């Protein structure tokens, strides 16, 4: 129902999202297996290609729903994937694009952004595991570097905006829809 807010300070919207999307997060993380010791450069290239296809459809969709370029612009990461793929010898413009999740309104877009902003935290962990892949010095790892040293500050800034959302149910719908679309796209064979 609209206006569904979290009553106590100890039970934030972030806490609710984390609890109610835990299985979705675990499915995606486990399926991607980016932290596995057997990760190869070829597999990494394939994962980045799939991420590019997702972001190519997702980023403009979320931008249209949020209508807040000042907030969203520093959070855009499609260009990072494009640069990484080029450094790895992939032409991003030839890759298929994922249809974005159906998002309706600001609250659902913020829920969707929660998923993608949260991935910047995990990306910093994944980045450490990429050292043995023999990535080119010119790049190939910018996407998982996220915002670099500013990752924590960007996450806190996002959470501040998230907690101000008046419709927690819409935020949760957006997060769940994004996890589902992302997992379907990233984990499908081929």
N, C-alpha and C. Protein backbone atom coordinates (compact mmCIF):
# COMPACT_ATOMS: atom_id res chain seq x y z
N UNK A 1 0.85 -1.18 0.00
CA UNK A 1 0.00 0.00 0.00
C UNK A 1 0.88 1.23 0.00
N UNK A 2 0.50 2.29 -0.73
CA UNK A 2 1.31 3.51 -0.73
C UNK A 2 1.50 4.04 0.69
N UNK A 3 2.65 4.59 0.90
CA UNK A 3 2.94 5.15 2.21
C UNK A 3 3.40 4.11 3.23
N UNK A 4 3.55 2.85 2.77
CA UNK A 4 4.00 1.78 3.65
C UNK A 4 5.42 2.12 4.11
N UNK A 5 5.57 2.58 5.33
CA UNK A 5 6.87 2.99 5.85
C UNK A 5 7.31 2.06 6.96
N UNK A 6 8.55 2.10 7.21
CA UNK A 6 9.13 1.30 8.28
C UNK A 6 8.98 2.10 9.57
N UNK A 7 8.43 1.47 10.58
CA UNK A 7 8.04 2.19 11.79
C UNK A 7 9.21 2.58 12.69
N UNK A 8 10.14 1.70 12.90
CA UNK A 8 11.18 2.02 13.88
C UNK A 8 12.51 2.26 13.21
N UNK A 9 13.34 3.04 13.84
CA UNK A 9 14.65 3.37 13.30
C UNK A 9 15.52 2.13 13.16
N UNK A 10 15.33 1.12 14.02
CA UNK A 10 16.11 -0.11 13.96
C UNK A 10 15.71 -0.99 12.81
N UNK A 11 14.61 -0.70 12.17
CA UNK A 11 14.12 -1.51 11.06
C UNK A 11 14.01 -0.60 9.84
N UNK A 12 15.15 -0.21 9.28
CA UNK A 12 15.19 0.72 8.17
C UNK A 12 14.70 0.06 6.89
N UNK A 13 14.47 0.88 5.91
CA UNK A 13 14.10 0.37 4.59
C UNK A 13 15.22 -0.49 4.04
N UNK A 14 16.45 -0.07 4.25
CA UNK A 14 17.59 -0.88 3.82
C UNK A 14 17.57 -2.25 4.47
N UNK A 15 17.28 -2.31 5.77
CA UNK A 15 17.22 -3.59 6.47
C UNK A 15 16.13 -4.48 5.87
N UNK A 16 14.99 -3.88 5.60
CA UNK A 16 13.89 -4.64 5.01
C UNK A 16 14.26 -5.15 3.62
N UNK A 17 14.84 -4.29 2.81
CA UNK A 17 15.26 -4.71 1.47
C UNK A 17 16.28 -5.85 1.55
N UNK A 18 17.24 -5.71 2.41
CA UNK A 18 18.27 -6.74 2.55
C UNK A 18 17.64 -8.08 2.94
N UNK A 19 16.73 -8.04 3.90
CA UNK A 19 16.09 -9.28 4.36
C UNK A 19 15.19 -9.89 3.29
N UNK A 20 14.42 -9.06 2.61
CA UNK A 20 13.43 -9.58 1.68
C UNK A 20 13.99 -9.89 0.29
N UNK A 21 15.24 -9.50 0.04
CA UNK A 21 15.86 -9.85 -1.24
C UNK A 21 17.08 -10.75 -1.06
N UNK A 22 17.29 -11.25 0.14
CA UNK A 22 18.47 -12.09 0.43
C UNK A 22 18.55 -13.28 -0.52
N UNK A 23 17.44 -14.01 -0.72
CA UNK A 23 17.46 -15.18 -1.60
C UNK A 23 17.76 -14.78 -3.04
N UNK A 24 17.23 -13.65 -3.48
CA UNK A 24 17.48 -13.15 -4.84
C UNK A 24 18.96 -12.81 -5.01
N UNK A 25 19.51 -12.14 -4.02
CA UNK A 25 20.93 -11.77 -4.05
C UNK A 25 21.81 -13.02 -4.07
N UNK A 26 21.51 -13.96 -3.21
CA UNK A 26 22.32 -15.18 -3.12
C UNK A 26 22.27 -15.99 -4.42
N UNK A 27 21.08 -16.05 -5.05
CA UNK A 27 20.95 -16.77 -6.32
C UNK A 27 21.86 -16.14 -7.37
N UNK A 28 21.82 -14.84 -7.47
CA UNK A 28 22.62 -14.14 -8.47
C UNK A 28 24.11 -14.28 -8.18
N UNK A 29 24.50 -14.01 -6.96
CA UNK A 29 25.92 -14.09 -6.59
C UNK A 29 26.47 -15.49 -6.81
N UNK A 30 25.72 -16.49 -6.37
CA UNK A 30 26.16 -17.87 -6.54
C UNK A 30 26.24 -18.28 -8.01
N UNK A 31 25.28 -17.83 -8.80
CA UNK A 31 25.27 -18.17 -10.21
C UNK A 31 26.38 -17.52 -11.00
N UNK A 32 26.74 -16.31 -10.64
CA UNK A 32 27.82 -15.61 -11.35
C UNK A 32 29.19 -16.19 -11.02
N UNK A 33 29.36 -16.65 -9.79
CA UNK A 33 30.59 -17.30 -9.35
C UNK A 33 31.84 -16.49 -9.66
N UNK A 34 31.76 -15.18 -9.49
CA UNK A 34 32.91 -14.32 -9.79
C UNK A 34 34.02 -14.43 -8.75
N UNK A 35 33.69 -14.96 -7.60
CA UNK A 35 34.71 -15.11 -6.56
C UNK A 35 35.34 -16.50 -6.60
N UNK A 36 34.90 -17.35 -7.52
CA UNK A 36 35.45 -18.70 -7.61
C UNK A 36 36.91 -18.66 -8.06
N UNK A 37 37.75 -19.52 -7.48
CA UNK A 37 39.16 -19.52 -7.86
C UNK A 37 39.40 -19.94 -9.31
N UNK A 38 38.44 -20.62 -9.93
CA UNK A 38 38.61 -21.07 -11.31
C UNK A 38 38.16 -20.07 -12.36
N UNK A 39 37.93 -18.82 -11.97
CA UNK A 39 37.50 -17.80 -12.93
C UNK A 39 38.58 -17.59 -13.99
N UNK A 40 38.16 -17.66 -15.24
CA UNK A 40 39.10 -17.46 -16.36
C UNK A 40 38.83 -16.10 -17.01
N UNK A 41 39.78 -15.67 -17.82
CA UNK A 41 39.61 -14.42 -18.54
C UNK A 41 38.43 -14.51 -19.50
N UNK A 42 38.26 -15.66 -20.13
CA UNK A 42 37.13 -15.85 -21.03
C UNK A 42 35.79 -15.76 -20.31
N UNK A 43 35.69 -16.37 -19.16
CA UNK A 43 34.46 -16.31 -18.37
C UNK A 43 34.22 -14.87 -17.90
N UNK A 44 35.26 -14.21 -17.47
CA UNK A 44 35.15 -12.82 -17.02
C UNK A 44 34.65 -11.93 -18.16
N UNK A 45 35.22 -12.12 -19.34
CA UNK A 45 34.81 -11.36 -20.52
C UNK A 45 33.32 -11.60 -20.80
N UNK A 46 32.87 -12.84 -20.69
CA UNK A 46 31.46 -13.18 -20.94
C UNK A 46 30.55 -12.52 -19.91
N UNK A 47 30.97 -12.50 -18.64
CA UNK A 47 30.16 -11.88 -17.59
C UNK A 47 30.07 -10.37 -17.82
N UNK A 48 31.18 -9.73 -18.14
CA UNK A 48 31.15 -8.30 -18.43
C UNK A 48 30.24 -8.00 -19.63
N UNK A 49 30.27 -8.86 -20.62
CA UNK A 49 29.42 -8.67 -21.79
C UNK A 49 27.95 -8.72 -21.42
N UNK A 50 27.60 -9.65 -20.54
CA UNK A 50 26.21 -9.76 -20.09
C UNK A 50 25.83 -8.53 -19.25
N UNK A 51 26.73 -8.11 -18.37
CA UNK A 51 26.46 -6.90 -17.59
C UNK A 51 26.24 -5.70 -18.51
N UNK A 52 27.04 -5.59 -19.55
CA UNK A 52 26.86 -4.48 -20.49
C UNK A 52 25.46 -4.53 -21.09
N UNK A 53 25.02 -5.70 -21.52
CA UNK A 53 23.69 -5.84 -22.10
C UNK A 53 22.59 -5.45 -21.14
N UNK A 54 22.78 -5.77 -19.86
CA UNK A 54 21.78 -5.39 -18.86
C UNK A 54 21.77 -3.88 -18.66
N UNK A 55 22.94 -3.29 -18.42
CA UNK A 55 23.03 -1.86 -18.18
C UNK A 55 22.56 -1.04 -19.37
N UNK A 56 22.78 -1.54 -20.60
CA UNK A 56 22.38 -0.80 -21.80
C UNK A 56 20.87 -0.58 -21.84
N UNK A 57 20.10 -1.53 -21.33
CA UNK A 57 18.65 -1.36 -21.26
C UNK A 57 18.20 -0.71 -19.96
N UNK A 58 18.89 -1.05 -18.89
CA UNK A 58 18.47 -0.61 -17.55
C UNK A 58 18.74 0.87 -17.28
N UNK A 59 19.95 1.33 -17.60
CA UNK A 59 20.34 2.69 -17.23
C UNK A 59 19.39 3.76 -17.78
N UNK A 60 19.02 3.72 -19.07
CA UNK A 60 18.08 4.74 -19.55
C UNK A 60 16.68 4.60 -18.94
N UNK A 61 16.28 3.38 -18.62
CA UNK A 61 14.95 3.17 -18.03
C UNK A 61 14.88 3.79 -16.64
N UNK A 62 15.88 3.57 -15.83
CA UNK A 62 15.90 4.14 -14.49
C UNK A 62 16.01 5.66 -14.56
N UNK A 63 16.80 6.14 -15.48
CA UNK A 63 16.94 7.60 -15.64
C UNK A 63 15.60 8.23 -15.97
N UNK A 64 14.82 7.58 -16.81
CA UNK A 64 13.51 8.12 -17.19
C UNK A 64 12.56 8.15 -15.99
N UNK A 65 12.60 7.14 -15.14
CA UNK A 65 11.71 7.09 -13.98
C UNK A 65 12.14 8.05 -12.87
N UNK A 66 13.44 8.19 -12.67
CA UNK A 66 13.92 9.06 -11.59
C UNK A 66 13.86 10.54 -11.95
N UNK A 67 14.11 10.86 -13.20
CA UNK A 67 14.12 12.25 -13.66
C UNK A 67 14.95 13.15 -12.72
N UNK A 68 16.13 12.68 -12.36
CA UNK A 68 17.01 13.42 -11.46
C UNK A 68 18.45 13.16 -11.90
N UNK A 69 18.86 13.84 -12.96
CA UNK A 69 20.18 13.59 -13.52
C UNK A 69 21.31 13.95 -12.57
N UNK A 70 21.11 14.96 -11.74
CA UNK A 70 22.17 15.35 -10.80
C UNK A 70 22.47 14.21 -9.83
N UNK A 71 21.45 13.46 -9.43
CA UNK A 71 21.62 12.32 -8.53
C UNK A 71 22.14 11.10 -9.27
N UNK A 72 21.60 10.86 -10.46
CA UNK A 72 21.92 9.63 -11.19
C UNK A 72 23.22 9.71 -11.98
N UNK A 73 23.55 10.85 -12.51
CA UNK A 73 24.71 10.98 -13.40
C UNK A 73 26.00 10.39 -12.82
N UNK A 74 26.37 10.69 -11.58
CA UNK A 74 27.61 10.09 -11.07
C UNK A 74 27.48 8.59 -10.79
N UNK A 75 26.27 8.05 -10.87
CA UNK A 75 26.04 6.64 -10.62
C UNK A 75 25.96 5.82 -11.91
N UNK A 76 26.10 6.47 -13.05
CA UNK A 76 26.07 5.75 -14.32
C UNK A 76 27.37 4.94 -14.46
N UNK A 77 27.21 3.71 -14.93
CA UNK A 77 28.39 2.85 -15.03
C UNK A 77 28.49 2.13 -16.38
N UNK A 78 27.55 2.39 -17.27
CA UNK A 78 27.60 1.75 -18.59
C UNK A 78 28.91 2.09 -19.31
N UNK A 79 29.36 3.33 -19.17
CA UNK A 79 30.61 3.74 -19.83
C UNK A 79 31.81 2.95 -19.30
N UNK A 80 31.76 2.55 -18.02
CA UNK A 80 32.85 1.76 -17.46
C UNK A 80 32.90 0.38 -18.11
N UNK A 81 31.73 -0.22 -18.27
CA UNK A 81 31.66 -1.52 -18.94
C UNK A 81 32.13 -1.42 -20.38
N UNK A 82 31.72 -0.37 -21.06
CA UNK A 82 32.13 -0.17 -22.45
C UNK A 82 33.66 -0.11 -22.55
N UNK A 83 34.28 0.66 -21.67
CA UNK A 83 35.74 0.76 -21.68
C UNK A 83 36.42 -0.55 -21.33
N UNK A 84 35.89 -1.26 -20.33
CA UNK A 84 36.47 -2.55 -19.95
C UNK A 84 36.41 -3.54 -21.10
N UNK A 85 35.25 -3.60 -21.75
CA UNK A 85 35.09 -4.55 -22.84
C UNK A 85 36.04 -4.22 -24.00
N UNK A 86 36.16 -2.96 -24.32
CA UNK A 86 37.10 -2.58 -25.39
C UNK A 86 38.53 -2.97 -25.03
N UNK A 87 38.90 -2.77 -23.76
CA UNK A 87 40.25 -3.15 -23.32
C UNK A 87 40.46 -4.66 -23.43
N UNK A 88 39.38 -5.42 -23.37
CA UNK A 88 39.45 -6.88 -23.45
C UNK A 88 39.19 -7.40 -24.86
N UNK A 89 39.10 -6.49 -25.83
CA UNK A 89 38.94 -6.90 -27.22
C UNK A 89 37.52 -7.19 -27.66
N UNK A 90 36.53 -6.72 -26.90
CA UNK A 90 35.13 -6.94 -27.25
C UNK A 90 34.55 -5.62 -27.76
N UNK A 91 33.76 -5.70 -28.81
CA UNK A 91 33.08 -4.53 -29.36
C UNK A 91 31.70 -4.46 -28.70
N UNK A 92 31.51 -3.59 -27.73
CA UNK A 92 30.25 -3.57 -26.97
C UNK A 92 29.01 -3.33 -27.83
N UNK A 93 29.14 -2.56 -28.87
CA UNK A 93 27.99 -2.22 -29.71
C UNK A 93 27.41 -3.44 -30.43
N UNK A 94 28.15 -4.54 -30.46
CA UNK A 94 27.66 -5.76 -31.11
C UNK A 94 26.92 -6.69 -30.15
N UNK A 95 26.88 -6.33 -28.89
CA UNK A 95 26.29 -7.21 -27.87
C UNK A 95 24.77 -7.03 -27.77
N UNK A 96 24.08 -8.11 -27.43
CA UNK A 96 22.62 -7.99 -27.25
C UNK A 96 22.30 -7.17 -26.00
N UNK A 97 21.13 -6.54 -26.02
CA UNK A 97 20.66 -5.71 -24.91
C UNK A 97 19.50 -6.39 -24.22
N UNK A 98 19.51 -6.36 -22.91
CA UNK A 98 18.45 -6.94 -22.10
C UNK A 98 17.29 -5.95 -21.98
N UNK A 99 16.06 -6.42 -22.18
CA UNK A 99 14.93 -5.52 -21.89
C UNK A 99 14.96 -5.15 -20.41
N UNK A 100 14.78 -3.89 -20.08
CA UNK A 100 14.85 -3.50 -18.66
C UNK A 100 13.65 -4.03 -17.89
N UNK A 101 13.80 -4.17 -16.58
CA UNK A 101 12.65 -4.57 -15.78
C UNK A 101 11.54 -3.53 -15.88
N UNK A 102 10.32 -3.98 -15.78
CA UNK A 102 9.17 -3.05 -15.81
C UNK A 102 9.15 -2.28 -14.50
N UNK A 103 9.46 -1.01 -14.58
CA UNK A 103 9.49 -0.16 -13.39
C UNK A 103 8.44 0.93 -13.57
N UNK A 104 7.65 1.14 -12.53
CA UNK A 104 6.62 2.16 -12.57
C UNK A 104 6.82 3.11 -11.40
N UNK A 105 7.31 4.28 -11.71
CA UNK A 105 7.41 5.32 -10.70
C UNK A 105 8.75 5.40 -9.99
N UNK A 106 8.86 6.47 -9.24
CA UNK A 106 10.11 6.80 -8.54
C UNK A 106 10.50 5.73 -7.53
N UNK A 107 9.54 5.24 -6.74
CA UNK A 107 9.85 4.25 -5.71
C UNK A 107 10.42 2.97 -6.29
N UNK A 108 9.82 2.46 -7.35
CA UNK A 108 10.33 1.24 -7.98
C UNK A 108 11.71 1.48 -8.60
N UNK A 109 11.91 2.66 -9.18
CA UNK A 109 13.23 2.98 -9.74
C UNK A 109 14.29 3.03 -8.64
N UNK A 110 13.93 3.57 -7.48
CA UNK A 110 14.89 3.59 -6.37
C UNK A 110 15.18 2.18 -5.87
N UNK A 111 14.19 1.32 -5.86
CA UNK A 111 14.43 -0.08 -5.49
C UNK A 111 15.36 -0.75 -6.48
N UNK A 112 15.19 -0.45 -7.74
CA UNK A 112 16.06 -0.99 -8.77
C UNK A 112 17.48 -0.46 -8.60
N UNK A 113 17.58 0.81 -8.32
CA UNK A 113 18.89 1.41 -8.11
C UNK A 113 19.57 0.84 -6.87
N UNK A 114 18.79 0.46 -5.88
CA UNK A 114 19.34 -0.20 -4.69
C UNK A 114 20.16 -1.43 -5.08
N UNK A 115 19.62 -2.21 -6.00
CA UNK A 115 20.30 -3.44 -6.43
C UNK A 115 21.62 -3.09 -7.10
N UNK A 116 21.58 -2.14 -8.02
CA UNK A 116 22.77 -1.83 -8.79
C UNK A 116 23.80 -1.05 -7.98
N UNK A 117 23.35 -0.17 -7.10
CA UNK A 117 24.29 0.54 -6.22
C UNK A 117 24.92 -0.43 -5.23
N UNK A 118 24.13 -1.36 -4.73
CA UNK A 118 24.68 -2.37 -3.81
C UNK A 118 25.77 -3.19 -4.47
N UNK A 119 25.66 -3.38 -5.77
CA UNK A 119 26.67 -4.17 -6.47
C UNK A 119 28.04 -3.49 -6.46
N UNK A 120 28.08 -2.19 -6.24
CA UNK A 120 29.38 -1.52 -6.19
C UNK A 120 30.18 -1.99 -4.97
N UNK A 121 29.47 -2.32 -3.89
CA UNK A 121 30.17 -2.80 -2.70
C UNK A 121 30.77 -4.18 -2.96
N UNK A 122 29.98 -5.06 -3.55
CA UNK A 122 30.49 -6.39 -3.90
C UNK A 122 31.57 -6.32 -4.96
N UNK A 123 31.45 -5.35 -5.85
CA UNK A 123 32.44 -5.20 -6.91
C UNK A 123 33.83 -4.94 -6.37
N UNK A 124 33.90 -4.22 -5.29
CA UNK A 124 35.21 -3.94 -4.69
C UNK A 124 35.87 -5.22 -4.18
N UNK A 125 35.05 -6.17 -3.70
CA UNK A 125 35.57 -7.47 -3.26
C UNK A 125 36.00 -8.29 -4.48
N UNK A 126 35.15 -8.30 -5.50
CA UNK A 126 35.46 -9.05 -6.73
C UNK A 126 36.75 -8.53 -7.36
N UNK A 127 36.94 -7.22 -7.33
CA UNK A 127 38.11 -6.60 -7.93
C UNK A 127 39.41 -7.23 -7.43
N UNK A 128 39.46 -7.52 -6.15
CA UNK A 128 40.67 -8.11 -5.58
C UNK A 128 40.96 -9.48 -6.17
N UNK A 129 39.91 -10.23 -6.50
CA UNK A 129 40.09 -11.55 -7.08
C UNK A 129 40.46 -11.55 -8.55
N UNK A 130 40.41 -10.40 -9.19
CA UNK A 130 40.71 -10.32 -10.62
C UNK A 130 42.20 -10.18 -10.90
N UNK A 131 42.98 -9.98 -9.86
CA UNK A 131 44.41 -9.70 -10.05
C UNK A 131 45.14 -10.81 -10.80
N UNK A 132 44.73 -12.04 -10.65
CA UNK A 132 45.43 -13.15 -11.31
C UNK A 132 44.94 -13.45 -12.71
N UNK A 133 44.03 -12.67 -13.25
CA UNK A 133 43.48 -12.96 -14.58
C UNK A 133 44.34 -12.45 -15.72
N UNK A 134 45.30 -11.62 -15.43
CA UNK A 134 46.12 -11.07 -16.49
C UNK A 134 45.40 -10.01 -17.31
N UNK A 135 44.64 -9.16 -16.62
CA UNK A 135 43.93 -8.09 -17.31
C UNK A 135 44.92 -7.10 -17.89
N UNK A 136 44.58 -6.49 -19.01
CA UNK A 136 45.51 -5.52 -19.61
C UNK A 136 45.69 -4.31 -18.70
N UNK A 137 46.88 -3.74 -18.75
CA UNK A 137 47.16 -2.56 -17.93
C UNK A 137 46.25 -1.40 -18.29
N UNK A 138 45.77 -1.39 -19.53
CA UNK A 138 44.92 -0.30 -20.01
C UNK A 138 43.49 -0.38 -19.49
N UNK A 139 43.13 -1.43 -18.79
CA UNK A 139 41.77 -1.50 -18.26
C UNK A 139 41.26 -2.91 -18.15
N UNK A 140 39.95 -2.99 -18.12
CA UNK A 140 39.32 -4.29 -17.99
C UNK A 140 38.75 -4.53 -16.61
N UNK A 141 38.93 -3.57 -15.69
CA UNK A 141 38.47 -3.76 -14.32
C UNK A 141 37.75 -2.55 -13.74
N UNK A 142 37.46 -1.55 -14.56
CA UNK A 142 36.84 -0.31 -14.06
C UNK A 142 35.45 -0.53 -13.50
N UNK A 143 34.66 -1.41 -14.12
CA UNK A 143 33.29 -1.64 -13.66
C UNK A 143 33.27 -2.11 -12.22
N UNK A 144 34.11 -3.06 -11.90
CA UNK A 144 34.11 -3.59 -10.54
C UNK A 144 34.81 -2.67 -9.55
N UNK A 145 35.58 -1.72 -10.05
CA UNK A 145 36.16 -0.71 -9.18
C UNK A 145 35.11 0.31 -8.75
N UNK A 146 34.00 0.35 -9.49
CA UNK A 146 32.89 1.23 -9.13
C UNK A 146 33.30 2.68 -9.01
N UNK A 147 33.16 3.20 -7.83
CA UNK A 147 33.49 4.60 -7.57
C UNK A 147 34.84 4.74 -6.89
N UNK A 148 35.64 3.69 -6.92
CA UNK A 148 36.95 3.73 -6.30
C UNK A 148 36.86 4.04 -4.82
N UNK A 149 37.69 4.94 -4.37
CA UNK A 149 37.73 5.31 -2.95
C UNK A 149 36.43 5.98 -2.49
N UNK A 150 35.64 6.47 -3.42
CA UNK A 150 34.37 7.13 -3.07
C UNK A 150 33.20 6.16 -2.95
N UNK A 151 33.44 4.86 -3.10
CA UNK A 151 32.35 3.88 -3.08
C UNK A 151 31.55 3.96 -1.78
N UNK A 152 32.19 3.99 -0.66
CA UNK A 152 31.48 4.06 0.62
C UNK A 152 30.64 5.32 0.75
N UNK A 153 31.20 6.44 0.38
CA UNK A 153 30.47 7.71 0.46
C UNK A 153 29.28 7.73 -0.51
N UNK A 154 29.46 7.18 -1.70
CA UNK A 154 28.35 7.11 -2.67
C UNK A 154 27.24 6.22 -2.15
N UNK A 155 27.60 5.12 -1.52
CA UNK A 155 26.61 4.21 -0.96
C UNK A 155 25.83 4.89 0.17
N UNK A 156 26.53 5.57 1.05
CA UNK A 156 25.84 6.27 2.15
C UNK A 156 24.92 7.37 1.61
N UNK A 157 25.36 8.09 0.60
CA UNK A 157 24.52 9.11 -0.01
C UNK A 157 23.28 8.51 -0.64
N UNK A 158 23.44 7.35 -1.28
CA UNK A 158 22.28 6.67 -1.85
C UNK A 158 21.32 6.23 -0.75
N UNK A 159 21.84 5.65 0.32
CA UNK A 159 20.97 5.17 1.41
C UNK A 159 20.18 6.31 2.04
N UNK A 160 20.79 7.46 2.14
CA UNK A 160 20.09 8.62 2.69
C UNK A 160 18.86 8.95 1.83
N UNK A 161 19.04 8.95 0.53
CA UNK A 161 17.91 9.19 -0.38
C UNK A 161 16.89 8.06 -0.32
N UNK A 162 17.38 6.84 -0.23
CA UNK A 162 16.49 5.68 -0.19
C UNK A 162 15.57 5.73 1.02
N UNK A 163 16.14 6.05 2.18
CA UNK A 163 15.34 6.08 3.41
C UNK A 163 14.26 7.16 3.38
N UNK A 164 14.40 8.14 2.49
CA UNK A 164 13.40 9.20 2.39
C UNK A 164 12.23 8.82 1.47
N UNK A 165 12.33 7.65 0.83
CA UNK A 165 11.25 7.21 -0.07
C UNK A 165 9.97 6.95 0.73
N UNK A 166 8.85 7.53 0.31
CA UNK A 166 7.60 7.38 1.06
C UNK A 166 6.88 6.05 0.85
N UNK A 167 7.21 5.30 -0.19
CA UNK A 167 6.48 4.07 -0.50
C UNK A 167 7.43 2.87 -0.49
N UNK A 168 7.60 2.28 0.68
CA UNK A 168 8.52 1.15 0.84
C UNK A 168 8.11 -0.04 -0.01
N UNK A 169 6.82 -0.26 -0.17
CA UNK A 169 6.35 -1.40 -0.97
C UNK A 169 6.79 -1.24 -2.43
N UNK A 170 6.74 -0.03 -2.96
CA UNK A 170 7.18 0.21 -4.33
C UNK A 170 8.68 -0.03 -4.46
N UNK A 171 9.44 0.41 -3.48
CA UNK A 171 10.89 0.22 -3.49
C UNK A 171 11.20 -1.28 -3.51
N UNK A 172 10.51 -2.04 -2.69
CA UNK A 172 10.73 -3.49 -2.65
C UNK A 172 10.34 -4.14 -3.98
N UNK A 173 9.24 -3.72 -4.58
CA UNK A 173 8.84 -4.27 -5.88
C UNK A 173 9.93 -4.01 -6.93
N UNK A 174 10.47 -2.80 -6.93
CA UNK A 174 11.52 -2.46 -7.89
C UNK A 174 12.79 -3.27 -7.68
N UNK A 175 13.16 -3.47 -6.43
CA UNK A 175 14.36 -4.27 -6.13
C UNK A 175 14.16 -5.72 -6.56
N UNK A 176 13.01 -6.29 -6.23
CA UNK A 176 12.75 -7.69 -6.58
C UNK A 176 12.67 -7.86 -8.09
N UNK A 177 12.03 -6.92 -8.78
CA UNK A 177 11.93 -7.00 -10.24
C UNK A 177 13.32 -6.91 -10.88
N UNK A 178 14.18 -6.09 -10.31
CA UNK A 178 15.53 -5.93 -10.86
C UNK A 178 16.37 -7.16 -10.60
N UNK A 179 16.31 -7.70 -9.40
CA UNK A 179 17.04 -8.94 -9.14
C UNK A 179 16.58 -10.04 -10.08
N UNK A 180 15.27 -10.16 -10.30
CA UNK A 180 14.74 -11.21 -11.17
C UNK A 180 15.21 -11.02 -12.60
N UNK A 181 15.11 -9.79 -13.12
CA UNK A 181 15.53 -9.52 -14.50
C UNK A 181 17.03 -9.72 -14.66
N UNK A 182 17.79 -9.27 -13.68
CA UNK A 182 19.23 -9.40 -13.74
C UNK A 182 19.65 -10.87 -13.70
N UNK A 183 19.06 -11.65 -12.81
CA UNK A 183 19.39 -13.07 -12.73
C UNK A 183 18.98 -13.81 -14.00
N UNK A 184 17.79 -13.52 -14.49
CA UNK A 184 17.34 -14.18 -15.73
C UNK A 184 18.30 -13.88 -16.88
N UNK A 185 18.76 -12.65 -16.98
CA UNK A 185 19.67 -12.25 -18.04
C UNK A 185 21.07 -12.79 -17.83
N UNK A 186 21.59 -12.65 -16.64
CA UNK A 186 22.98 -13.00 -16.38
C UNK A 186 23.20 -14.52 -16.30
N UNK A 187 22.20 -15.25 -15.84
CA UNK A 187 22.40 -16.68 -15.58
C UNK A 187 21.86 -17.58 -16.66
N UNK A 188 21.26 -17.01 -17.69
CA UNK A 188 20.73 -17.87 -18.75
C UNK A 188 21.90 -18.40 -19.59
N UNK A 189 21.75 -19.62 -20.06
CA UNK A 189 22.82 -20.21 -20.89
C UNK A 189 23.01 -19.42 -22.19
N UNK A 190 24.23 -19.39 -22.65
CA UNK A 190 24.52 -18.74 -23.94
C UNK A 190 24.94 -17.40 -23.74
